[in-house]
Amino acid sequence: MMNKQELARELGHPDAQKLLSGSMARLAYNGHDGFPRVIPVGFYWTGERIVVSTAPTSPKARALSSRPEVALTIDTGSTPEEAKALLVRGLATLETVDGVTDEYLAAARNSMDGPQLAEFERNVRSTYKHMVRISIEPQWARFYDFGAGRLPAYLANLVNDG
């Protein structure tokens, strides 16, 4: 894994922070059948952990309870020059809470407000009697900005050797 200073440097990069202030990521985990899954998830960055909330009966909650190793990708940009990505690997801890997790509602506030947020919150509170808070502690992270030349090492080597 990565030392704490290097991890803090990657997660603290201003553009990585912009990605962490978003609301959508892709979560990778291993299912009970041993095959990997990659699914879109809403998330909330606490400043130390990435929190994903879900129903207690969800496949990811069941799978992560026995295999807590995860990877996340948060990215943006539709061209190579605009492409930025934050890759994170970590360990998930699960906690079942009554009602809706605070982080689930905080994440919703990042993407909606006013009457839309109020209706969303009403619907969510009536749907979920319990939620699972999946709290992911980053163990490794790397921020890439392809347009600025912040590339994966193998790709930087290809560019430099070419």
N, C-alpha and C. Protein backbone atom coordinates (compact mmCIF):
# COMPACT_ATOMS: atom_id res chain seq x y z
N MET A 1 0.83 -1.18 0.00
CA MET A 1 0.00 0.00 0.00
C MET A 1 0.88 1.25 0.00
N MET A 2 0.30 2.36 0.19
CA MET A 2 0.94 3.66 0.03
C MET A 2 1.19 4.29 1.40
N ASN A 3 2.31 5.02 1.55
CA ASN A 3 2.52 5.68 2.84
C ASN A 3 1.55 6.85 2.98
N LYS A 4 1.31 7.26 4.23
CA LYS A 4 0.28 8.27 4.52
C LYS A 4 0.54 9.61 3.84
N GLN A 5 1.81 10.02 3.75
CA GLN A 5 2.12 11.30 3.12
C GLN A 5 1.80 11.27 1.63
N GLU A 6 2.17 10.19 0.96
CA GLU A 6 1.89 10.07 -0.47
C GLU A 6 0.38 10.00 -0.72
N LEU A 7 -0.31 9.25 0.14
CA LEU A 7 -1.77 9.15 0.03
C LEU A 7 -2.42 10.52 0.22
N ALA A 8 -1.98 11.25 1.23
CA ALA A 8 -2.53 12.60 1.47
C ALA A 8 -2.24 13.53 0.31
N ARG A 9 -1.07 13.41 -0.29
CA ARG A 9 -0.70 14.25 -1.44
C ARG A 9 -1.62 13.97 -2.64
N GLU A 10 -1.88 12.70 -2.91
CA GLU A 10 -2.75 12.35 -4.04
C GLU A 10 -4.19 12.81 -3.79
N LEU A 11 -4.71 12.51 -2.60
CA LEU A 11 -6.09 12.88 -2.30
C LEU A 11 -6.26 14.39 -2.13
N GLY A 12 -5.18 15.07 -1.75
CA GLY A 12 -5.24 16.50 -1.51
C GLY A 12 -5.02 17.36 -2.73
N HIS A 13 -4.65 16.77 -3.85
CA HIS A 13 -4.45 17.55 -5.07
C HIS A 13 -5.75 18.32 -5.35
N PRO A 14 -5.66 19.61 -5.71
CA PRO A 14 -6.89 20.40 -5.92
C PRO A 14 -7.88 19.77 -6.90
N ASP A 15 -7.40 19.19 -7.98
CA ASP A 15 -8.33 18.56 -8.94
C ASP A 15 -8.88 17.24 -8.41
N ALA A 16 -8.12 16.54 -7.58
CA ALA A 16 -8.65 15.34 -6.93
C ALA A 16 -9.75 15.74 -5.96
N GLN A 17 -9.55 16.85 -5.25
CA GLN A 17 -10.58 17.34 -4.34
C GLN A 17 -11.87 17.71 -5.09
N LYS A 18 -11.72 18.27 -6.29
CA LYS A 18 -12.91 18.57 -7.11
C LYS A 18 -13.68 17.29 -7.44
N LEU A 19 -12.94 16.25 -7.80
CA LEU A 19 -13.60 14.98 -8.10
C LEU A 19 -14.27 14.41 -6.85
N LEU A 20 -13.60 14.54 -5.70
CA LEU A 20 -14.17 14.03 -4.45
C LEU A 20 -15.39 14.83 -4.00
N SER A 21 -15.55 16.03 -4.51
CA SER A 21 -16.73 16.82 -4.15
C SER A 21 -17.92 16.47 -5.04
N GLY A 22 -17.73 15.57 -5.98
CA GLY A 22 -18.81 15.13 -6.86
C GLY A 22 -19.75 14.18 -6.15
N SER A 23 -20.58 13.51 -6.94
CA SER A 23 -21.57 12.63 -6.32
C SER A 23 -21.62 11.23 -6.92
N MET A 24 -20.91 10.99 -8.03
CA MET A 24 -20.96 9.67 -8.66
C MET A 24 -19.57 9.08 -8.82
N ALA A 25 -19.48 7.78 -8.57
CA ALA A 25 -18.23 7.05 -8.74
C ALA A 25 -18.58 5.66 -9.27
N ARG A 26 -17.55 4.91 -9.59
CA ARG A 26 -17.72 3.50 -9.93
C ARG A 26 -17.01 2.70 -8.85
N LEU A 27 -17.75 1.77 -8.28
CA LEU A 27 -17.24 0.93 -7.19
C LEU A 27 -16.99 -0.47 -7.73
N ALA A 28 -15.80 -0.98 -7.46
CA ALA A 28 -15.45 -2.35 -7.84
C ALA A 28 -15.30 -3.18 -6.57
N TYR A 29 -15.89 -4.36 -6.61
CA TYR A 29 -15.78 -5.30 -5.49
C TYR A 29 -15.95 -6.70 -6.04
N ASN A 30 -15.67 -7.70 -5.22
CA ASN A 30 -15.82 -9.08 -5.65
C ASN A 30 -17.14 -9.64 -5.13
N GLY A 31 -17.92 -10.20 -6.04
CA GLY A 31 -19.19 -10.80 -5.67
C GLY A 31 -18.98 -12.16 -5.02
N HIS A 32 -20.08 -12.71 -4.48
CA HIS A 32 -20.00 -14.02 -3.82
C HIS A 32 -19.58 -15.14 -4.76
N ASP A 33 -19.80 -14.95 -6.06
CA ASP A 33 -19.42 -15.98 -7.01
C ASP A 33 -17.95 -15.87 -7.43
N GLY A 34 -17.22 -14.91 -6.82
CA GLY A 34 -15.80 -14.74 -7.13
C GLY A 34 -15.52 -13.82 -8.29
N PHE A 35 -16.56 -13.43 -9.02
CA PHE A 35 -16.37 -12.53 -10.16
C PHE A 35 -16.44 -11.07 -9.71
N PRO A 36 -15.61 -10.23 -10.31
CA PRO A 36 -15.64 -8.81 -9.93
C PRO A 36 -16.89 -8.12 -10.46
N ARG A 37 -17.28 -7.08 -9.75
CA ARG A 37 -18.39 -6.23 -10.15
C ARG A 37 -17.87 -4.79 -10.21
N VAL A 38 -18.37 -4.02 -11.15
CA VAL A 38 -18.14 -2.58 -11.19
C VAL A 38 -19.50 -1.94 -11.37
N ILE A 39 -19.88 -1.12 -10.39
CA ILE A 39 -21.22 -0.52 -10.43
C ILE A 39 -21.14 0.98 -10.16
N PRO A 40 -22.04 1.74 -10.76
CA PRO A 40 -22.10 3.17 -10.44
C PRO A 40 -22.73 3.34 -9.06
N VAL A 41 -22.17 4.24 -8.27
CA VAL A 41 -22.70 4.52 -6.93
C VAL A 41 -22.64 6.01 -6.65
N GLY A 42 -23.58 6.45 -5.85
CA GLY A 42 -23.46 7.78 -5.26
C GLY A 42 -22.52 7.68 -4.08
N PHE A 43 -21.82 8.75 -3.79
CA PHE A 43 -20.88 8.71 -2.66
C PHE A 43 -20.80 10.07 -2.00
N TYR A 44 -20.22 10.07 -0.81
CA TYR A 44 -19.96 11.32 -0.08
C TYR A 44 -18.56 11.22 0.52
N TRP A 45 -17.73 12.23 0.28
CA TRP A 45 -16.37 12.30 0.82
C TRP A 45 -16.42 13.07 2.14
N THR A 46 -16.00 12.44 3.23
CA THR A 46 -16.02 13.08 4.54
C THR A 46 -14.77 13.91 4.81
N GLY A 47 -13.79 13.78 3.96
CA GLY A 47 -12.48 14.37 4.20
C GLY A 47 -11.47 13.31 4.61
N GLU A 48 -11.97 12.16 5.04
CA GLU A 48 -11.12 11.03 5.42
C GLU A 48 -11.57 9.72 4.79
N ARG A 49 -12.85 9.60 4.56
CA ARG A 49 -13.42 8.36 4.05
C ARG A 49 -14.42 8.65 2.94
N ILE A 50 -14.58 7.67 2.07
CA ILE A 50 -15.61 7.73 1.04
C ILE A 50 -16.77 6.88 1.55
N VAL A 51 -17.96 7.48 1.61
CA VAL A 51 -19.11 6.77 2.15
C VAL A 51 -20.13 6.52 1.04
N VAL A 52 -20.53 5.27 0.93
CA VAL A 52 -21.57 4.83 0.01
C VAL A 52 -22.68 4.26 0.88
N SER A 53 -23.92 4.57 0.57
CA SER A 53 -25.04 4.07 1.36
C SER A 53 -25.91 3.18 0.48
N THR A 54 -26.49 2.15 1.11
CA THR A 54 -27.28 1.20 0.34
C THR A 54 -28.27 0.48 1.25
N ALA A 55 -29.15 -0.28 0.64
CA ALA A 55 -30.10 -1.10 1.38
C ALA A 55 -29.37 -2.30 2.00
N PRO A 56 -29.81 -2.74 3.17
CA PRO A 56 -29.17 -3.91 3.79
C PRO A 56 -29.25 -5.17 2.93
N THR A 57 -30.22 -5.24 2.03
CA THR A 57 -30.40 -6.43 1.18
C THR A 57 -29.65 -6.34 -0.14
N SER A 58 -28.88 -5.28 -0.35
CA SER A 58 -28.19 -5.12 -1.63
C SER A 58 -27.07 -6.15 -1.79
N PRO A 59 -26.82 -6.58 -3.02
CA PRO A 59 -25.72 -7.53 -3.26
C PRO A 59 -24.37 -6.99 -2.78
N LYS A 60 -24.11 -5.69 -2.95
CA LYS A 60 -22.80 -5.16 -2.54
C LYS A 60 -22.62 -5.22 -1.03
N ALA A 61 -23.69 -4.96 -0.27
CA ALA A 61 -23.57 -5.04 1.19
C ALA A 61 -23.26 -6.47 1.62
N ARG A 62 -23.95 -7.41 1.03
CA ARG A 62 -23.71 -8.82 1.37
C ARG A 62 -22.29 -9.23 1.00
N ALA A 63 -21.84 -8.86 -0.19
CA ALA A 63 -20.50 -9.26 -0.64
C ALA A 63 -19.40 -8.58 0.17
N LEU A 64 -19.57 -7.29 0.47
CA LEU A 64 -18.53 -6.56 1.20
C LEU A 64 -18.40 -7.00 2.65
N SER A 65 -19.44 -7.60 3.19
CA SER A 65 -19.35 -8.07 4.58
C SER A 65 -18.33 -9.19 4.71
N SER A 66 -18.09 -9.93 3.63
CA SER A 66 -17.10 -11.01 3.70
C SER A 66 -15.80 -10.69 2.96
N ARG A 67 -15.86 -9.76 2.01
CA ARG A 67 -14.66 -9.37 1.25
C ARG A 67 -14.64 -7.85 1.15
N PRO A 68 -14.01 -7.16 2.11
CA PRO A 68 -14.11 -5.70 2.19
C PRO A 68 -13.17 -4.92 1.27
N GLU A 69 -12.39 -5.60 0.46
CA GLU A 69 -11.46 -4.90 -0.43
C GLU A 69 -12.23 -4.31 -1.61
N VAL A 70 -12.01 -3.00 -1.85
CA VAL A 70 -12.73 -2.31 -2.93
C VAL A 70 -11.77 -1.43 -3.71
N ALA A 71 -12.25 -1.01 -4.87
CA ALA A 71 -11.59 0.02 -5.67
C ALA A 71 -12.68 0.96 -6.15
N LEU A 72 -12.34 2.24 -6.26
CA LEU A 72 -13.26 3.24 -6.78
C LEU A 72 -12.58 4.04 -7.85
N THR A 73 -13.35 4.47 -8.82
CA THR A 73 -12.88 5.41 -9.83
C THR A 73 -13.87 6.56 -9.89
N ILE A 74 -13.33 7.77 -9.81
CA ILE A 74 -14.12 8.98 -10.00
C ILE A 74 -13.44 9.71 -11.14
N ASP A 75 -14.18 9.98 -12.20
CA ASP A 75 -13.52 10.60 -13.36
C ASP A 75 -14.41 11.62 -14.04
N THR A 76 -13.79 12.37 -14.92
CA THR A 76 -14.49 13.40 -15.69
C THR A 76 -13.76 13.60 -17.00
N GLY A 77 -14.43 14.27 -17.93
CA GLY A 77 -13.80 14.58 -19.22
C GLY A 77 -14.22 13.61 -20.29
N SER A 78 -14.44 14.15 -21.48
CA SER A 78 -14.86 13.30 -22.59
C SER A 78 -13.84 13.24 -23.71
N THR A 79 -12.71 13.93 -23.54
CA THR A 79 -11.62 13.85 -24.51
C THR A 79 -10.33 13.58 -23.75
N PRO A 80 -9.30 13.10 -24.42
CA PRO A 80 -8.03 12.87 -23.72
C PRO A 80 -7.49 14.13 -23.03
N GLU A 81 -7.68 15.27 -23.65
CA GLU A 81 -7.16 16.51 -23.06
C GLU A 81 -7.91 16.90 -21.79
N GLU A 82 -9.19 16.51 -21.71
CA GLU A 82 -10.02 16.86 -20.55
C GLU A 82 -10.04 15.77 -19.49
N ALA A 83 -9.53 14.59 -19.79
CA ALA A 83 -9.68 13.43 -18.91
C ALA A 83 -8.90 13.60 -17.60
N LYS A 84 -9.64 13.43 -16.50
CA LYS A 84 -9.05 13.41 -15.16
C LYS A 84 -9.68 12.24 -14.43
N ALA A 85 -8.88 11.57 -13.62
CA ALA A 85 -9.40 10.41 -12.90
C ALA A 85 -8.72 10.29 -11.55
N LEU A 86 -9.50 9.90 -10.56
CA LEU A 86 -8.97 9.56 -9.25
C LEU A 86 -9.28 8.09 -9.02
N LEU A 87 -8.23 7.30 -8.83
CA LEU A 87 -8.37 5.88 -8.54
C LEU A 87 -8.06 5.68 -7.07
N VAL A 88 -8.91 4.92 -6.39
CA VAL A 88 -8.75 4.69 -4.95
C VAL A 88 -8.92 3.20 -4.69
N ARG A 89 -8.06 2.67 -3.83
CA ARG A 89 -8.23 1.31 -3.32
C ARG A 89 -8.32 1.40 -1.82
N GLY A 90 -9.18 0.58 -1.22
CA GLY A 90 -9.32 0.67 0.22
C GLY A 90 -10.09 -0.49 0.80
N LEU A 91 -10.35 -0.36 2.09
CA LEU A 91 -11.10 -1.36 2.84
C LEU A 91 -12.41 -0.76 3.29
N ALA A 92 -13.48 -1.51 3.12
CA ALA A 92 -14.81 -1.05 3.49
C ALA A 92 -15.22 -1.63 4.84
N THR A 93 -15.80 -0.78 5.67
CA THR A 93 -16.46 -1.24 6.89
C THR A 93 -17.95 -0.93 6.72
N LEU A 94 -18.78 -1.82 7.24
CA LEU A 94 -20.22 -1.70 7.08
C LEU A 94 -20.89 -1.49 8.43
N GLU A 95 -21.87 -0.60 8.44
CA GLU A 95 -22.66 -0.34 9.65
C GLU A 95 -24.11 -0.14 9.22
N THR A 96 -25.00 -0.91 9.80
CA THR A 96 -26.43 -0.74 9.53
C THR A 96 -26.98 0.30 10.50
N VAL A 97 -27.71 1.26 9.95
CA VAL A 97 -28.28 2.34 10.76
C VAL A 97 -29.79 2.36 10.58
N ASP A 98 -30.49 2.88 11.57
CA ASP A 98 -31.92 3.10 11.44
C ASP A 98 -32.15 4.28 10.52
N GLY A 99 -33.10 4.16 9.62
CA GLY A 99 -33.41 5.27 8.72
C GLY A 99 -32.36 5.44 7.64
N VAL A 100 -32.13 6.70 7.27
CA VAL A 100 -31.25 7.06 6.16
C VAL A 100 -29.93 7.60 6.73
N THR A 101 -28.82 7.22 6.11
CA THR A 101 -27.53 7.74 6.58
C THR A 101 -27.43 9.24 6.30
N ASP A 102 -26.74 9.94 7.19
CA ASP A 102 -26.52 11.38 7.00
C ASP A 102 -25.77 11.65 5.70
N GLU A 103 -24.81 10.78 5.38
CA GLU A 103 -24.00 10.97 4.18
C GLU A 103 -24.81 10.84 2.90
N TYR A 104 -25.83 10.00 2.92
CA TYR A 104 -26.68 9.83 1.74
C TYR A 104 -27.40 11.13 1.43
N LEU A 105 -27.92 11.76 2.47
CA LEU A 105 -28.61 13.04 2.28
C LEU A 105 -27.63 14.16 1.95
N ALA A 106 -26.45 14.13 2.56
CA ALA A 106 -25.43 15.15 2.26
C ALA A 106 -25.01 15.05 0.80
N ALA A 107 -24.87 13.85 0.28
CA ALA A 107 -24.50 13.67 -1.13
C ALA A 107 -25.61 14.22 -2.03
N ALA A 108 -26.85 14.01 -1.65
CA ALA A 108 -27.97 14.52 -2.45
C ALA A 108 -27.94 16.05 -2.48
N ARG A 109 -27.55 16.67 -1.38
CA ARG A 109 -27.47 18.13 -1.33
C ARG A 109 -26.42 18.68 -2.29
N ASN A 110 -25.45 17.85 -2.68
CA ASN A 110 -24.44 18.28 -3.65
C ASN A 110 -24.99 18.40 -5.06
N SER A 111 -26.13 17.75 -5.33
CA SER A 111 -26.63 17.74 -6.70
C SER A 111 -28.05 18.28 -6.86
N MET A 112 -28.72 18.60 -5.76
CA MET A 112 -30.08 19.16 -5.86
C MET A 112 -30.36 20.05 -4.67
N ASP A 113 -31.40 20.87 -4.82
CA ASP A 113 -31.80 21.74 -3.71
C ASP A 113 -33.29 22.06 -3.82
N GLY A 114 -33.78 22.86 -2.90
CA GLY A 114 -35.16 23.32 -2.92
C GLY A 114 -36.18 22.21 -2.92
N PRO A 115 -37.26 22.39 -3.69
CA PRO A 115 -38.35 21.41 -3.71
C PRO A 115 -37.90 20.02 -4.17
N GLN A 116 -36.95 19.98 -5.11
CA GLN A 116 -36.45 18.69 -5.59
C GLN A 116 -35.79 17.92 -4.46
N LEU A 117 -34.96 18.60 -3.66
CA LEU A 117 -34.29 17.95 -2.53
C LEU A 117 -35.31 17.52 -1.48
N ALA A 118 -36.28 18.37 -1.19
CA ALA A 118 -37.29 18.04 -0.19
C ALA A 118 -38.08 16.79 -0.60
N GLU A 119 -38.46 16.72 -1.87
CA GLU A 119 -39.20 15.55 -2.35
C GLU A 119 -38.32 14.29 -2.31
N PHE A 120 -37.06 14.43 -2.72
CA PHE A 120 -36.12 13.31 -2.67
C PHE A 120 -36.01 12.79 -1.24
N GLU A 121 -35.82 13.71 -0.29
CA GLU A 121 -35.66 13.30 1.11
C GLU A 121 -36.92 12.61 1.63
N ARG A 122 -38.09 13.13 1.31
CA ARG A 122 -39.34 12.48 1.72
C ARG A 122 -39.42 11.06 1.17
N ASN A 123 -39.12 10.91 -0.12
CA ASN A 123 -39.19 9.59 -0.75
C ASN A 123 -38.19 8.62 -0.14
N VAL A 124 -36.98 9.10 0.09
CA VAL A 124 -35.94 8.23 0.65
C VAL A 124 -36.31 7.80 2.07
N ARG A 125 -36.78 8.74 2.87
CA ARG A 125 -37.14 8.41 4.26
C ARG A 125 -38.31 7.42 4.32
N SER A 126 -39.22 7.49 3.35
CA SER A 126 -40.34 6.54 3.35
C SER A 126 -39.93 5.18 2.78
N THR A 127 -38.86 5.13 2.01
CA THR A 127 -38.41 3.88 1.39
C THR A 127 -37.51 3.06 2.31
N TYR A 128 -36.57 3.72 2.98
CA TYR A 128 -35.54 3.02 3.75
C TYR A 128 -35.84 3.05 5.24
N LYS A 129 -36.17 1.89 5.80
CA LYS A 129 -36.29 1.79 7.25
C LYS A 129 -34.90 1.64 7.87
N HIS A 130 -33.99 1.06 7.09
CA HIS A 130 -32.59 0.88 7.50
C HIS A 130 -31.72 1.11 6.28
N MET A 131 -30.49 1.51 6.53
CA MET A 131 -29.49 1.64 5.46
C MET A 131 -28.18 1.09 5.98
N VAL A 132 -27.35 0.69 5.04
CA VAL A 132 -25.98 0.28 5.38
C VAL A 132 -25.05 1.40 4.95
N ARG A 133 -24.25 1.86 5.90
CA ARG A 133 -23.19 2.84 5.60
C ARG A 133 -21.94 2.04 5.26
N ILE A 134 -21.49 2.16 4.03
CA ILE A 134 -20.25 1.53 3.58
C ILE A 134 -19.19 2.61 3.63
N SER A 135 -18.33 2.52 4.60
CA SER A 135 -17.30 3.54 4.82
C SER A 135 -15.96 2.99 4.33
N ILE A 136 -15.41 3.66 3.34
CA ILE A 136 -14.19 3.16 2.68
C ILE A 136 -13.00 3.99 3.11
N GLU A 137 -12.05 3.33 3.73
CA GLU A 137 -10.81 3.99 4.14
C GLU A 137 -9.79 3.83 3.01
N PRO A 138 -9.40 4.93 2.37
CA PRO A 138 -8.41 4.81 1.30
C PRO A 138 -7.07 4.26 1.82
N GLN A 139 -6.53 3.29 1.10
CA GLN A 139 -5.21 2.73 1.40
C GLN A 139 -4.21 3.12 0.32
N TRP A 140 -4.74 3.44 -0.85
CA TRP A 140 -3.92 3.79 -2.02
C TRP A 140 -4.77 4.70 -2.89
N ALA A 141 -4.15 5.70 -3.49
CA ALA A 141 -4.87 6.58 -4.42
C ALA A 141 -3.90 7.14 -5.44
N ARG A 142 -4.42 7.41 -6.62
CA ARG A 142 -3.62 8.05 -7.66
C ARG A 142 -4.55 8.97 -8.45
N PHE A 143 -4.09 10.21 -8.62
CA PHE A 143 -4.83 11.19 -9.41
C PHE A 143 -4.12 11.36 -10.74
N TYR A 144 -4.88 11.26 -11.83
CA TYR A 144 -4.34 11.44 -13.17
C TYR A 144 -5.03 12.62 -13.85
N ASP A 145 -4.24 13.43 -14.54
CA ASP A 145 -4.76 14.53 -15.37
C ASP A 145 -4.07 14.38 -16.71
N PHE A 146 -4.73 13.71 -17.63
CA PHE A 146 -4.11 13.35 -18.90
C PHE A 146 -3.74 14.57 -19.73
N GLY A 147 -4.58 15.59 -19.71
CA GLY A 147 -4.29 16.80 -20.48
C GLY A 147 -3.09 17.57 -19.96
N ALA A 148 -2.82 17.45 -18.66
CA ALA A 148 -1.69 18.15 -18.05
C ALA A 148 -0.44 17.28 -17.97
N GLY A 149 -0.53 16.05 -18.50
CA GLY A 149 0.64 15.17 -18.51
C GLY A 149 0.85 14.39 -17.23
N ARG A 150 -0.13 14.40 -16.32
CA ARG A 150 -0.03 13.60 -15.09
C ARG A 150 -0.61 12.22 -15.42
N LEU A 151 0.26 11.34 -15.89
CA LEU A 151 -0.13 10.07 -16.50
C LEU A 151 0.29 8.88 -15.65
N PRO A 152 -0.34 7.73 -15.87
CA PRO A 152 0.18 6.50 -15.27
C PRO A 152 1.62 6.29 -15.72
N ALA A 153 2.45 5.72 -14.86
CA ALA A 153 3.88 5.58 -15.13
C ALA A 153 4.15 4.87 -16.46
N TYR A 154 3.43 3.79 -16.74
CA TYR A 154 3.70 3.06 -17.98
C TYR A 154 3.43 3.94 -19.20
N LEU A 155 2.39 4.76 -19.13
CA LEU A 155 2.05 5.62 -20.25
C LEU A 155 3.05 6.78 -20.37
N ALA A 156 3.46 7.33 -19.25
CA ALA A 156 4.47 8.39 -19.27
C ALA A 156 5.76 7.86 -19.88
N ASN A 157 6.13 6.62 -19.55
CA ASN A 157 7.34 6.02 -20.12
C ASN A 157 7.21 5.85 -21.64
N LEU A 158 6.05 5.43 -22.11
CA LEU A 158 5.83 5.31 -23.55
C LEU A 158 5.96 6.66 -24.25
N VAL A 159 5.37 7.68 -23.66
CA VAL A 159 5.42 9.02 -24.25
C VAL A 159 6.86 9.52 -24.28
N ASN A 160 7.58 9.33 -23.17
CA ASN A 160 8.96 9.82 -23.08
C ASN A 160 9.91 9.04 -23.98
N ASP A 161 9.65 7.74 -24.17
CA ASP A 161 10.51 6.92 -25.02
C ASP A 161 10.20 7.12 -26.51
N GLY A 162 9.00 7.63 -26.80
CA GLY A 162 8.57 7.80 -28.19
C GLY A 162 9.14 9.03 -28.77
